[in-house]
Amino acid sequence: MDARDPLDAIDRRLILATQDGLPLARDPWAVVGEQVGIGADEVRARLQAMLERGVVRRIGAVPNHYALGVVANGMSVWDVADAVIDAAGERIGALPFVTHCYRRPRALPDWPYNLFAMVHGRTRDEVLAHVGKIRALLDAEHPGALAASDVLFSSAILKKTGLRLRN
């Protein structure tokens, strides 16, 4: 079975039971298994199989930053020389205050930025301090490679969901 194959009834019930998150319980797999009608070991095995087939890309925590008090979210955008963008992106993406970092094509002349790094903080000043650390890193490790940058602050959470199936 590959990612294009239809889900069987149990896999479908398993996705429906977990699409809003795992229960906060000592053994969430057992709770989900009880909802679906299978054992905890089968829950883990089926989820692992769906990961391996590519039906599910990952299983992980999706925190609500706002609920945690992290209310300043800034997408830092950078115009980095193409010759160093891969190395710069890997280095920036590994920083503890960067949640995701990726390369995108420029849309000249209006949008010169080709490297994006999401930074979270409790205040805008904290985010800007982190962005300053990224700038210092780029200047130190790739002198002359940075042409421009900006920070776009979030005003709302637009999406915090994963796979969704209808009943």
C-alpha atoms as a PDB file:
ATOM      1  CA  MET A   1       0.000   0.000   0.000  1.00  0.00           C
ATOM      2  CA  ASP A   2       1.362   3.475  -0.808  1.00  0.00           C
ATOM      3  CA  ALA A   3       0.233   7.044  -0.085  1.00  0.00           C
ATOM      4  CA  ARG A   4      -2.263   6.933  -3.009  1.00  0.00           C
ATOM      5  CA  ASP A   5      -4.051   3.869  -1.603  1.00  0.00           C
ATOM      6  CA  PRO A   6      -7.287   4.501   0.227  1.00  0.00           C
ATOM      7  CA  LEU A   7      -7.278   4.294   3.986  1.00  0.00           C
ATOM      8  CA  ASP A   8      -8.946   1.319   5.565  1.00  0.00           C
ATOM      9  CA  ALA A   9     -11.744   1.951   8.059  1.00  0.00           C
ATOM     10  CA  ILE A  10      -9.495   1.641  11.110  1.00  0.00           C
ATOM     11  CA  ASP A  11      -6.842   4.032   9.736  1.00  0.00           C
ATOM     12  CA  ARG A  12      -9.590   6.502   8.890  1.00  0.00           C
ATOM     13  CA  ARG A  13     -11.013   6.288  12.447  1.00  0.00           C
ATOM     14  CA  LEU A  14      -7.484   6.649  13.821  1.00  0.00           C
ATOM     15  CA  ILE A  15      -6.896   9.867  11.864  1.00  0.00           C
ATOM     16  CA  LEU A  16     -10.278  11.239  12.890  1.00  0.00           C
ATOM     17  CA  ALA A  17      -9.490  10.444  16.546  1.00  0.00           C
ATOM     18  CA  THR A  18      -6.092  12.181  16.451  1.00  0.00           C
ATOM     19  CA  GLN A  19      -6.548  15.086  14.015  1.00  0.00           C
ATOM     20  CA  ASP A  20      -7.243  17.538  16.836  1.00  0.00           C
ATOM     21  CA  GLY A  21      -4.284  16.247  18.842  1.00  0.00           C
ATOM     22  CA  LEU A  22      -3.464  13.433  21.181  1.00  0.00           C
ATOM     23  CA  PRO A  23      -5.198  13.315  24.550  1.00  0.00           C
ATOM     24  CA  LEU A  24      -3.238  14.607  27.519  1.00  0.00           C
ATOM     25  CA  ALA A  25      -3.008  11.284  29.324  1.00  0.00           C
ATOM     26  CA  ARG A  26      -0.342   9.020  30.767  1.00  0.00           C
ATOM     27  CA  ASP A  27      -0.841   6.662  27.806  1.00  0.00           C
ATOM     28  CA  PRO A  28      -2.436   8.614  24.942  1.00  0.00           C
ATOM     29  CA  TRP A  29      -2.079   5.619  22.609  1.00  0.00           C
ATOM     30  CA  ALA A  30      -4.337   3.537  24.879  1.00  0.00           C
ATOM     31  CA  VAL A  31      -6.941   6.321  25.050  1.00  0.00           C
ATOM     32  CA  VAL A  32      -6.958   6.663  21.257  1.00  0.00           C
ATOM     33  CA  GLY A  33      -7.059   2.881  20.883  1.00  0.00           C
ATOM     34  CA  GLU A  34     -10.096   2.709  23.117  1.00  0.00           C
ATOM     35  CA  GLN A  35     -11.855   5.352  20.977  1.00  0.00           C
ATOM     36  CA  VAL A  36     -10.983   3.500  17.774  1.00  0.00           C
ATOM     37  CA  GLY A  37     -11.507  -0.046  19.072  1.00  0.00           C
ATOM     38  CA  ILE A  38      -7.913  -1.310  18.890  1.00  0.00           C
ATOM     39  CA  GLY A  39      -5.028  -1.730  21.328  1.00  0.00           C
ATOM     40  CA  ALA A  40      -2.315   0.845  22.028  1.00  0.00           C
ATOM     41  CA  ASP A  41       0.333  -1.243  20.241  1.00  0.00           C
ATOM     42  CA  GLU A  42      -1.800  -1.366  17.102  1.00  0.00           C
ATOM     43  CA  VAL A  43      -2.335   2.415  17.292  1.00  0.00           C
ATOM     44  CA  ARG A  44       1.445   2.942  17.313  1.00  0.00           C
ATOM     45  CA  ALA A  45       2.015   0.359  14.557  1.00  0.00           C
ATOM     46  CA  ARG A  46      -0.654   1.842  12.290  1.00  0.00           C
ATOM     47  CA  LEU A  47       0.588   5.396  12.791  1.00  0.00           C
ATOM     48  CA  GLN A  48       4.144   4.239  12.063  1.00  0.00           C
ATOM     49  CA  ALA A  49       2.957   2.494   8.889  1.00  0.00           C
ATOM     50  CA  MET A  50       1.131   5.643   7.767  1.00  0.00           C
ATOM     51  CA  LEU A  51       4.327   7.641   8.387  1.00  0.00           C
ATOM     52  CA  GLU A  52       6.353   5.167   6.320  1.00  0.00           C
ATOM     53  CA  ARG A  53       3.790   5.254   3.463  1.00  0.00           C
ATOM     54  CA  GLY A  54       3.722   9.042   3.497  1.00  0.00           C
ATOM     55  CA  VAL A  55       0.042   9.247   4.453  1.00  0.00           C
ATOM     56  CA  VAL A  56       1.130  11.110   7.596  1.00  0.00           C
ATOM     57  CA  ARG A  57       4.212  13.331   7.358  1.00  0.00           C
ATOM     58  CA  ARG A  58       4.954  13.692  11.057  1.00  0.00           C
ATOM     59  CA  ILE A  59       3.535  13.314  14.513  1.00  0.00           C
ATOM     60  CA  GLY A  60       4.548  16.109  16.819  1.00  0.00           C
ATOM     61  CA  ALA A  61       3.495  18.853  19.135  1.00  0.00           C
ATOM     62  CA  VAL A  62       1.935  21.985  17.621  1.00  0.00           C
ATOM     63  CA  PRO A  63       2.053  24.545  20.399  1.00  0.00           C
ATOM     64  CA  ASN A  64      -0.230  27.534  20.495  1.00  0.00           C
ATOM     65  CA  HIS A  65       2.406  30.227  21.015  1.00  0.00           C
ATOM     66  CA  TYR A  66      -0.178  32.784  22.079  1.00  0.00           C
ATOM     67  CA  ALA A  67      -1.491  30.529  24.865  1.00  0.00           C
ATOM     68  CA  LEU A  68       2.113  30.072  26.056  1.00  0.00           C
ATOM     69  CA  GLY A  69       2.652  33.836  26.262  1.00  0.00           C
ATOM     70  CA  VAL A  70       4.786  33.986  23.139  1.00  0.00           C
ATOM     71  CA  VAL A  71       2.768  36.683  21.427  1.00  0.00           C
ATOM     72  CA  ALA A  72       5.358  38.367  19.206  1.00  0.00           C
ATOM     73  CA  ASN A  73       5.941  36.369  16.044  1.00  0.00           C
ATOM     74  CA  GLY A  74       8.120  37.781  13.315  1.00  0.00           C
ATOM     75  CA  MET A  75       8.940  36.329   9.937  1.00  0.00           C
ATOM     76  CA  SER A  76      12.402  37.650   9.256  1.00  0.00           C
ATOM     77  CA  VAL A  77      13.116  37.924   5.540  1.00  0.00           C
ATOM     78  CA  TRP A  78      16.601  38.149   4.081  1.00  0.00           C
ATOM     79  CA  ASP A  79      18.151  38.912   0.712  1.00  0.00           C
ATOM     80  CA  VAL A  80      21.164  36.619   0.878  1.00  0.00           C
ATOM     81  CA  ALA A  81      23.635  35.945  -1.937  1.00  0.00           C
ATOM     82  CA  ASP A  82      22.658  32.761  -3.766  1.00  0.00           C
ATOM     83  CA  ALA A  83      26.200  31.382  -3.399  1.00  0.00           C
ATOM     84  CA  VAL A  84      25.826  31.101   0.389  1.00  0.00           C
ATOM     85  CA  ILE A  85      22.089  30.729   0.922  1.00  0.00           C
ATOM     86  CA  ASP A  86      22.124  26.977   1.595  1.00  0.00           C
ATOM     87  CA  ALA A  87      24.857  27.235   4.236  1.00  0.00           C
ATOM     88  CA  ALA A  88      23.284  30.335   5.752  1.00  0.00           C
ATOM     89  CA  GLY A  89      19.838  28.741   5.847  1.00  0.00           C
ATOM     90  CA  GLU A  90      21.080  25.593   7.565  1.00  0.00           C
ATOM     91  CA  ARG A  91      22.944  27.653  10.160  1.00  0.00           C
ATOM     92  CA  ILE A  92      20.007  29.993  10.821  1.00  0.00           C
ATOM     93  CA  GLY A  93      17.513  27.117  10.908  1.00  0.00           C
ATOM     94  CA  ALA A  94      19.559  25.486  13.684  1.00  0.00           C
ATOM     95  CA  LEU A  95      19.297  28.520  15.982  1.00  0.00           C
ATOM     96  CA  PRO A  96      17.179  27.747  19.071  1.00  0.00           C
ATOM     97  CA  PHE A  97      14.887  30.761  18.566  1.00  0.00           C
ATOM     98  CA  VAL A  98      14.109  29.983  14.894  1.00  0.00           C
ATOM     99  CA  THR A  99      11.162  27.610  14.500  1.00  0.00           C
ATOM    100  CA  HIS A 100      11.388  27.206  10.743  1.00  0.00           C
ATOM    101  CA  CYS A 101      13.654  28.493   8.017  1.00  0.00           C
ATOM    102  CA  TYR A 102      13.312  28.078   4.282  1.00  0.00           C
ATOM    103  CA  ARG A 103      14.433  29.355   0.903  1.00  0.00           C
ATOM    104  CA  ARG A 104      12.014  30.927  -1.584  1.00  0.00           C
ATOM    105  CA  PRO A 105      12.546  32.502  -5.003  1.00  0.00           C
ATOM    106  CA  ARG A 106      12.772  36.258  -5.182  1.00  0.00           C
ATOM    107  CA  ALA A 107       9.959  38.189  -6.933  1.00  0.00           C
ATOM    108  CA  LEU A 108      11.956  41.075  -8.333  1.00  0.00           C
ATOM    109  CA  PRO A 109      11.763  43.996  -8.391  1.00  0.00           C
ATOM    110  CA  ASP A 110       9.232  44.186  -5.552  1.00  0.00           C
ATOM    111  CA  TRP A 111      10.371  41.312  -3.313  1.00  0.00           C
ATOM    112  CA  PRO A 112      14.151  40.767  -3.117  1.00  0.00           C
ATOM    113  CA  TYR A 113      14.050  38.285  -0.204  1.00  0.00           C
ATOM    114  CA  ASN A 114      15.040  34.658  -0.683  1.00  0.00           C
ATOM    115  CA  LEU A 115      15.538  33.367   2.885  1.00  0.00           C
ATOM    116  CA  PHE A 116      12.789  33.286   5.529  1.00  0.00           C
ATOM    117  CA  ALA A 117      13.215  32.531   9.250  1.00  0.00           C
ATOM    118  CA  MET A 118      10.325  32.556  11.747  1.00  0.00           C
ATOM    119  CA  VAL A 119      11.259  33.955  15.149  1.00  0.00           C
ATOM    120  CA  HIS A 120       9.014  33.923  18.234  1.00  0.00           C
ATOM    121  CA  GLY A 121       9.278  35.954  21.419  1.00  0.00           C
ATOM    122  CA  ARG A 122       7.286  37.357  24.306  1.00  0.00           C
ATOM    123  CA  THR A 123       7.742  40.906  22.957  1.00  0.00           C
ATOM    124  CA  ARG A 124       8.594  42.528  19.647  1.00  0.00           C
ATOM    125  CA  ASP A 125      11.845  43.750  21.221  1.00  0.00           C
ATOM    126  CA  GLU A 126      12.794  40.140  22.003  1.00  0.00           C
ATOM    127  CA  VAL A 127      12.077  39.120  18.400  1.00  0.00           C
ATOM    128  CA  LEU A 128      14.116  42.065  17.092  1.00  0.00           C
ATOM    129  CA  ALA A 129      17.012  41.100  19.377  1.00  0.00           C
ATOM    130  CA  HIS A 130      16.946  37.588  17.897  1.00  0.00           C
ATOM    131  CA  VAL A 131      16.828  39.033  14.394  1.00  0.00           C
ATOM    132  CA  GLY A 132      19.896  41.094  15.332  1.00  0.00           C
ATOM    133  CA  LYS A 133      21.667  37.849  16.253  1.00  0.00           C
ATOM    134  CA  ILE A 134      20.807  36.419  12.830  1.00  0.00           C
ATOM    135  CA  ARG A 135      22.183  39.572  11.164  1.00  0.00           C
ATOM    136  CA  ALA A 136      25.395  39.337  13.217  1.00  0.00           C
ATOM    137  CA  LEU A 137      25.777  35.676  12.283  1.00  0.00           C
ATOM    138  CA  LEU A 138      25.295  36.398   8.573  1.00  0.00           C
ATOM    139  CA  ASP A 139      27.740  39.315   8.684  1.00  0.00           C
ATOM    140  CA  ALA A 140      30.349  37.235  10.523  1.00  0.00           C
ATOM    141  CA  GLU A 141      30.066  33.994   8.559  1.00  0.00           C
ATOM    142  CA  HIS A 142      29.208  35.420   5.127  1.00  0.00           C
ATOM    143  CA  PRO A 143      30.610  38.970   4.911  1.00  0.00           C
ATOM    144  CA  GLY A 144      28.973  40.993   2.166  1.00  0.00           C
ATOM    145  CA  ALA A 145      26.364  38.293   1.407  1.00  0.00           C
ATOM    146  CA  LEU A 146      23.442  40.136   3.012  1.00  0.00           C
ATOM    147  CA  ALA A 147      21.857  42.842   0.859  1.00  0.00           C
ATOM    148  CA  ALA A 148      18.621  43.574   2.735  1.00  0.00           C
ATOM    149  CA  SER A 149      16.266  42.305   5.426  1.00  0.00           C
ATOM    150  CA  ASP A 150      12.971  43.034   7.126  1.00  0.00           C
ATOM    151  CA  VAL A 151      10.680  41.597   9.798  1.00  0.00           C
ATOM    152  CA  LEU A 152       6.990  40.961   9.199  1.00  0.00           C
ATOM    153  CA  PHE A 153       5.097  40.632  12.492  1.00  0.00           C
ATOM    154  CA  SER A 154       2.048  38.364  12.742  1.00  0.00           C
ATOM    155  CA  SER A 155      -1.271  39.867  13.684  1.00  0.00           C
ATOM    156  CA  ALA A 156      -3.232  36.593  14.028  1.00  0.00           C
ATOM    157  CA  ILE A 157      -2.868  32.819  13.872  1.00  0.00           C
ATOM    158  CA  LEU A 158      -4.382  31.746  10.575  1.00  0.00           C
ATOM    159  CA  LYS A 159      -3.687  28.003  10.657  1.00  0.00           C
ATOM    160  CA  LYS A 160      -2.786  25.615  13.427  1.00  0.00           C
ATOM    161  CA  THR A 161      -4.070  22.325  12.088  1.00  0.00           C
ATOM    162  CA  GLY A 162      -2.796  19.269  10.364  1.00  0.00           C
ATOM    163  CA  LEU A 163      -4.534  16.653   8.270  1.00  0.00           C
ATOM    164  CA  ARG A 164      -8.316  16.913   8.391  1.00  0.00           C
ATOM    165  CA  LEU A 165     -10.797  14.250   7.337  1.00  0.00           C
ATOM    166  CA  ARG A 166     -14.540  14.617   7.283  1.00  0.00           C
ATOM    167  CA  ASN A 167     -16.599  11.869   8.905  1.00  0.00           C
END
